[in-house]
Amino acid sequence: MLENVRIVLINTFHPGNIGAAARAMKNMGLSQLWLVDPQDFPSPEAESRAAGGKDLLDSAVIVSTLEEAIADCQLVLGTSARTQRSFDLPLMDARSAATQMVSEATQGQIALVFGRETMGLHNHELQLCNRHVYIPANPEYPVLNVAQAIQLLSYELWIAAQAPVHEPQAETYPRQREMALFYEHLERVLRLTRFIIPQHEGKVLDKLRRYFNRSRPEKTELNMLRGILTSVEETATRSEQNISSEKDYNSHD
């Protein structure tokens, strides 16, 4: 089950933290390390800190954006100690998050995302996630080093994976790339129907993305939504064409 769980590090500036992350992952049976725009990698310091986890550094996947790192994932969890900025995402502690990740890892890829050493995840990155994960700690100083956070969450994943194996659920959730296509389709239809007015766009799209990321429609539900959007799009397009034809006809008169 842990083979389908990936650790994603964003814009890490200290190579030692990448090495320490690889070692922590190796300790707890995790093997997928994804690096989004690392500032210094490969690095001898990363290799030194990785110790027996150097093979994870060698197989690490390096991408430019978080969207690339999570495209084929059905569940994305963003980590942050600042629980007050959850954007209405379901808030989970490390233990409950590990339990959900392990239960869904039989169905597909899961991503656990960590932000920069100094500022964590940016708001727009957390908004790409389905869940917000935090590690319960001293409320007067709850902030952990990124390698420490990875070690603790990796431990919880290992413990959760040792629980009795239940019959895997049917694969039901779409991947993030499918959700991205849905959001593009939704925006196109909302603009076509003038629900979104260019001069007064507001935050409609952000709020809708937040809603669907939180509610996580199943594949069949997403297909139904795409079908509704297609029907609305075709109807609106025909209506515009008819209006255009009438204008042309009247202009000839």
Protein backbone atom coordinates (compact mmCIF):
# COMPACT_ATOMS: atom_id res chain seq x y z
CA MET A 1 0.00 0.00 0.00
CA LEU A 2 2.81 2.43 0.82
CA GLU A 3 4.19 2.03 -2.70
CA ASN A 4 1.37 4.28 -3.92
CA VAL A 5 2.09 7.08 -1.45
CA ARG A 6 4.39 9.82 -2.69
CA ILE A 7 6.10 12.52 -0.66
CA VAL A 8 6.17 15.82 -2.55
CA LEU A 9 8.61 18.58 -1.52
CA ILE A 10 8.14 22.05 -2.99
CA ASN A 11 11.02 24.41 -3.74
CA THR A 12 13.27 22.98 -1.00
CA PHE A 13 16.33 25.24 -0.61
CA HIS A 14 18.45 23.17 1.79
CA PRO A 15 19.67 19.94 0.14
CA GLY A 16 20.24 18.39 3.56
CA ASN A 17 16.48 18.41 4.11
CA ILE A 18 15.97 16.43 0.92
CA GLY A 19 18.48 13.86 2.10
CA ALA A 20 16.92 13.70 5.55
CA ALA A 21 13.49 13.25 3.96
CA ALA A 22 14.78 10.31 1.91
CA ARG A 23 16.22 8.68 5.01
CA ALA A 24 12.97 9.15 6.96
CA MET A 25 10.99 7.67 4.10
CA LYS A 26 13.31 4.68 3.81
CA ASN A 27 12.93 4.04 7.54
CA MET A 28 9.17 3.76 7.14
CA GLY A 29 8.83 1.87 3.88
CA LEU A 30 8.06 4.78 1.55
CA SER A 31 9.76 4.88 -1.83
CA GLN A 32 8.31 7.72 -3.95
CA LEU A 33 10.05 11.08 -3.59
CA TRP A 34 8.91 13.91 -5.85
CA LEU A 35 10.71 17.26 -5.90
CA VAL A 36 9.04 20.39 -7.25
CA ASP A 37 11.61 22.93 -8.42
CA PRO A 38 14.32 22.15 -5.80
CA GLN A 39 16.90 24.91 -5.44
CA ASP A 40 19.94 22.67 -4.98
CA PHE A 41 19.67 19.09 -6.20
CA PRO A 42 21.46 16.74 -6.85
CA SER A 43 23.82 17.57 -4.01
CA PRO A 44 26.57 15.78 -2.04
CA GLU A 45 24.97 17.08 1.15
CA ALA A 46 21.67 15.46 0.25
CA GLU A 47 23.45 12.16 -0.36
CA SER A 48 25.30 12.43 2.95
CA ARG A 49 22.10 13.08 4.92
CA ALA A 50 20.20 10.34 3.10
CA ALA A 51 22.53 7.58 4.38
CA GLY A 52 20.82 4.30 3.45
CA GLY A 53 18.09 6.17 1.59
CA LYS A 54 20.32 7.27 -1.28
CA ASP A 55 18.40 5.02 -3.67
CA LEU A 56 15.35 7.24 -3.11
CA LEU A 57 17.39 10.26 -4.19
CA ASP A 58 18.53 8.41 -7.30
CA SER A 59 14.93 7.62 -8.26
CA ALA A 60 13.46 10.98 -7.22
CA VAL A 61 11.15 12.58 -9.78
CA ILE A 62 11.88 16.26 -10.43
CA VAL A 63 9.12 18.46 -11.89
CA SER A 64 8.52 22.18 -12.29
CA THR A 65 5.08 22.56 -10.74
CA LEU A 66 2.88 21.01 -8.09
CA GLU A 67 0.25 20.37 -10.76
CA GLU A 68 2.68 18.03 -12.51
CA ALA A 69 3.52 16.23 -9.28
CA ILE A 70 -0.10 15.43 -8.44
CA ALA A 71 -1.63 14.99 -11.91
CA ASP A 72 -2.16 11.22 -11.56
CA CYS A 73 -3.17 11.29 -7.87
CA GLN A 74 -6.68 10.69 -6.61
CA LEU A 75 -6.06 12.16 -3.14
CA VAL A 76 -3.78 15.10 -2.28
CA LEU A 77 -3.04 16.16 1.28
CA GLY A 78 -1.26 19.43 2.03
CA THR A 79 0.64 19.86 5.29
CA SER A 80 0.60 23.07 7.31
CA ALA A 81 0.92 23.96 10.98
CA ARG A 82 -1.31 27.00 10.40
CA THR A 83 -4.69 25.37 10.88
CA GLN A 84 -6.59 28.65 10.70
CA ARG A 85 -5.97 28.92 6.94
CA SER A 86 -7.66 25.67 5.96
CA PHE A 87 -9.74 27.29 3.14
CA ASP A 88 -12.64 25.15 4.37
CA LEU A 89 -10.74 21.99 3.50
CA PRO A 90 -11.35 19.08 5.87
CA LEU A 91 -8.70 19.38 8.59
CA MET A 92 -7.04 16.13 9.66
CA ASP A 93 -4.41 15.31 12.22
CA ALA A 94 -1.45 13.15 11.23
CA ARG A 95 -2.93 9.89 12.50
CA SER A 96 -6.34 10.17 10.86
CA ALA A 97 -4.72 11.38 7.64
CA ALA A 98 -2.40 8.36 7.58
CA THR A 99 -5.37 6.04 8.02
CA GLN A 100 -7.19 7.58 5.06
CA MET A 101 -4.08 7.56 2.88
CA VAL A 102 -3.43 3.88 3.53
CA SER A 103 -7.06 2.94 2.92
CA GLU A 104 -7.11 4.72 -0.45
CA ALA A 105 -3.61 3.69 -1.53
CA THR A 106 -5.06 0.38 -2.73
CA GLN A 107 -7.04 2.33 -5.33
CA GLY A 108 -4.41 4.68 -6.75
CA GLN A 109 -1.72 7.26 -6.16
CA ILE A 110 -1.76 9.45 -3.04
CA ALA A 111 0.30 12.63 -2.57
CA LEU A 112 1.45 14.12 0.73
CA VAL A 113 2.73 17.63 0.05
CA PHE A 114 5.26 19.65 2.08
CA GLY A 115 6.10 23.29 1.47
CA ARG A 116 9.19 25.44 1.74
CA GLU A 117 11.35 25.47 4.86
CA THR A 118 10.64 29.12 5.66
CA MET A 119 7.01 29.62 4.65
CA GLY A 120 5.45 26.24 3.95
CA LEU A 121 2.81 25.93 1.26
CA HIS A 122 1.53 28.99 -0.55
CA ASN A 123 -2.20 29.54 -0.39
CA HIS A 124 -2.78 28.59 -4.03
CA GLU A 125 -0.87 25.32 -3.48
CA LEU A 126 -2.98 24.38 -0.47
CA GLN A 127 -6.06 25.10 -2.57
CA LEU A 128 -4.99 22.33 -4.96
CA CYS A 129 -5.29 19.80 -2.12
CA ASN A 130 -8.26 17.74 -0.94
CA ARG A 131 -7.29 17.70 2.72
CA HIS A 132 -5.27 19.87 5.12
CA VAL A 133 -3.01 17.88 7.46
CA TYR A 134 -1.38 19.09 10.64
CA ILE A 135 0.77 17.46 13.32
CA PRO A 136 -0.57 18.07 16.85
CA ALA A 137 2.15 19.83 18.83
CA ASN A 138 2.75 22.41 21.54
CA PRO A 139 0.39 25.26 20.56
CA GLU A 140 2.99 27.79 21.70
CA TYR A 141 5.44 26.45 19.12
CA PRO A 142 3.88 23.91 16.72
CA VAL A 143 6.26 24.48 13.78
CA LEU A 144 8.50 21.53 12.86
CA ASN A 145 11.48 21.29 10.56
CA VAL A 146 10.30 19.81 7.25
CA ALA A 147 12.43 16.67 7.72
CA GLN A 148 10.96 16.17 11.21
CA ALA A 149 7.45 16.54 9.85
CA ILE A 150 8.15 13.98 7.13
CA GLN A 151 9.56 11.57 9.71
CA LEU A 152 6.46 11.85 11.92
CA LEU A 153 3.96 11.49 9.10
CA SER A 154 5.95 8.63 7.56
CA TYR A 155 5.84 6.87 10.94
CA GLU A 156 2.06 7.29 11.12
CA LEU A 157 1.77 5.87 7.59
CA TRP A 158 3.89 2.87 8.56
CA ILE A 159 1.78 2.20 11.65
CA ALA A 160 -1.46 2.56 9.68
CA ALA A 161 -0.15 0.14 7.06
CA GLN A 162 0.41 -2.53 9.72
CA ALA A 163 -3.31 -2.68 10.54
CA PRO A 164 -5.31 -5.67 9.26
CA VAL A 165 -5.88 -5.48 5.52
CA HIS A 166 -9.50 -4.97 4.52
CA GLU A 167 -11.04 -5.74 1.17
CA PRO A 168 -9.98 -2.87 -1.14
CA GLN A 169 -12.74 -0.55 -2.27
CA ALA A 170 -13.57 -0.17 -5.92
CA GLU A 171 -11.66 2.60 -7.67
CA THR A 172 -14.04 5.53 -7.53
CA TYR A 173 -12.18 8.83 -7.42
CA PRO A 174 -10.89 10.78 -10.45
CA ARG A 175 -7.26 11.76 -10.78
CA GLN A 176 -6.16 15.37 -10.39
CA ARG A 177 -5.60 15.75 -14.13
CA GLU A 178 -9.25 14.77 -14.67
CA MET A 179 -10.31 17.36 -12.11
CA ALA A 180 -8.17 19.96 -13.88
CA LEU A 181 -9.98 19.23 -17.15
CA PHE A 182 -13.30 19.52 -15.34
CA TYR A 183 -12.32 22.93 -13.94
CA GLU A 184 -11.36 24.10 -17.44
CA HIS A 185 -14.71 22.87 -18.80
CA LEU A 186 -16.60 24.49 -15.92
CA GLU A 187 -14.90 27.84 -16.48
CA ARG A 188 -15.57 27.70 -20.22
CA VAL A 189 -19.29 27.07 -19.68
CA LEU A 190 -19.63 29.71 -16.96
CA ARG A 191 -18.10 32.28 -19.28
CA LEU A 192 -20.19 31.13 -22.25
CA THR A 193 -23.43 31.47 -20.25
CA ARG A 194 -22.30 34.85 -18.86
CA PHE A 195 -22.44 33.53 -15.30
CA ILE A 196 -18.94 34.95 -15.04
CA ILE A 197 -18.68 38.49 -16.35
CA PRO A 198 -15.10 39.50 -17.25
CA GLN A 199 -15.41 42.91 -15.59
CA HIS A 200 -16.77 41.40 -12.33
CA GLU A 201 -15.26 37.93 -12.03
CA GLY A 202 -14.81 37.97 -8.28
CA LYS A 203 -13.64 34.68 -6.76
CA VAL A 204 -16.29 32.39 -8.22
CA LEU A 205 -13.83 29.96 -9.75
CA ASP A 206 -11.68 29.79 -6.61
CA LYS A 207 -14.73 29.06 -4.48
CA LEU A 208 -16.01 26.39 -6.85
CA ARG A 209 -12.60 24.72 -7.00
CA ARG A 210 -12.47 24.77 -3.20
CA TYR A 211 -15.93 23.21 -3.03
CA PHE A 212 -15.17 20.36 -5.41
CA ASN A 213 -11.73 19.68 -3.89
CA ARG A 214 -13.39 19.42 -0.51
CA SER A 215 -16.37 17.31 -1.59
CA ARG A 216 -14.33 15.00 -3.92
CA PRO A 217 -16.92 13.79 -6.46
CA GLU A 218 -16.57 10.16 -7.47
CA LYS A 219 -15.73 9.25 -11.07
CA THR A 220 -19.34 8.54 -11.98
CA GLU A 221 -20.43 11.81 -10.41
CA LEU A 222 -17.73 13.72 -12.27
CA ASN A 223 -18.79 12.13 -15.55
CA MET A 224 -22.36 13.22 -14.81
CA LEU A 225 -21.21 16.77 -14.12
CA ARG A 226 -19.19 16.82 -17.34
CA GLY A 227 -22.27 15.58 -19.21
CA ILE A 228 -24.38 18.40 -17.73
CA LEU A 229 -21.74 20.96 -18.70
CA THR A 230 -21.59 19.58 -22.24
CA SER A 231 -25.38 19.80 -22.56
CA VAL A 232 -25.41 23.40 -21.30
CA GLU A 233 -22.48 24.29 -23.54
CA GLU A 234 -24.16 22.88 -26.66
CA THR A 235 -27.46 24.59 -25.87
CA ALA A 236 -25.80 27.95 -25.20
CA THR A 237 -23.72 27.66 -28.38
CA ARG A 238 -26.81 26.90 -30.49
CA SER A 239 -28.62 29.84 -28.90
CA GLU A 240 -25.75 32.19 -29.77
CA GLN A 241 -25.66 30.86 -33.33
CA ASN A 242 -29.42 31.42 -33.73
CA ILE A 243 -29.13 34.95 -32.39
CA SER A 244 -26.24 35.62 -34.76
CA SER A 245 -28.25 34.24 -37.71
CA GLU A 246 -31.23 36.43 -36.85
CA LYS A 247 -29.01 39.50 -36.68
CA ASP A 248 -27.55 38.67 -40.09
CA TYR A 249 -31.04 38.16 -41.52
CA ASN A 250 -32.35 41.43 -40.09
CA SER A 251 -29.33 43.34 -41.35
CA HIS A 252 -30.11 42.19 -44.91
CA ASP A 253 -33.66 43.44 -44.53
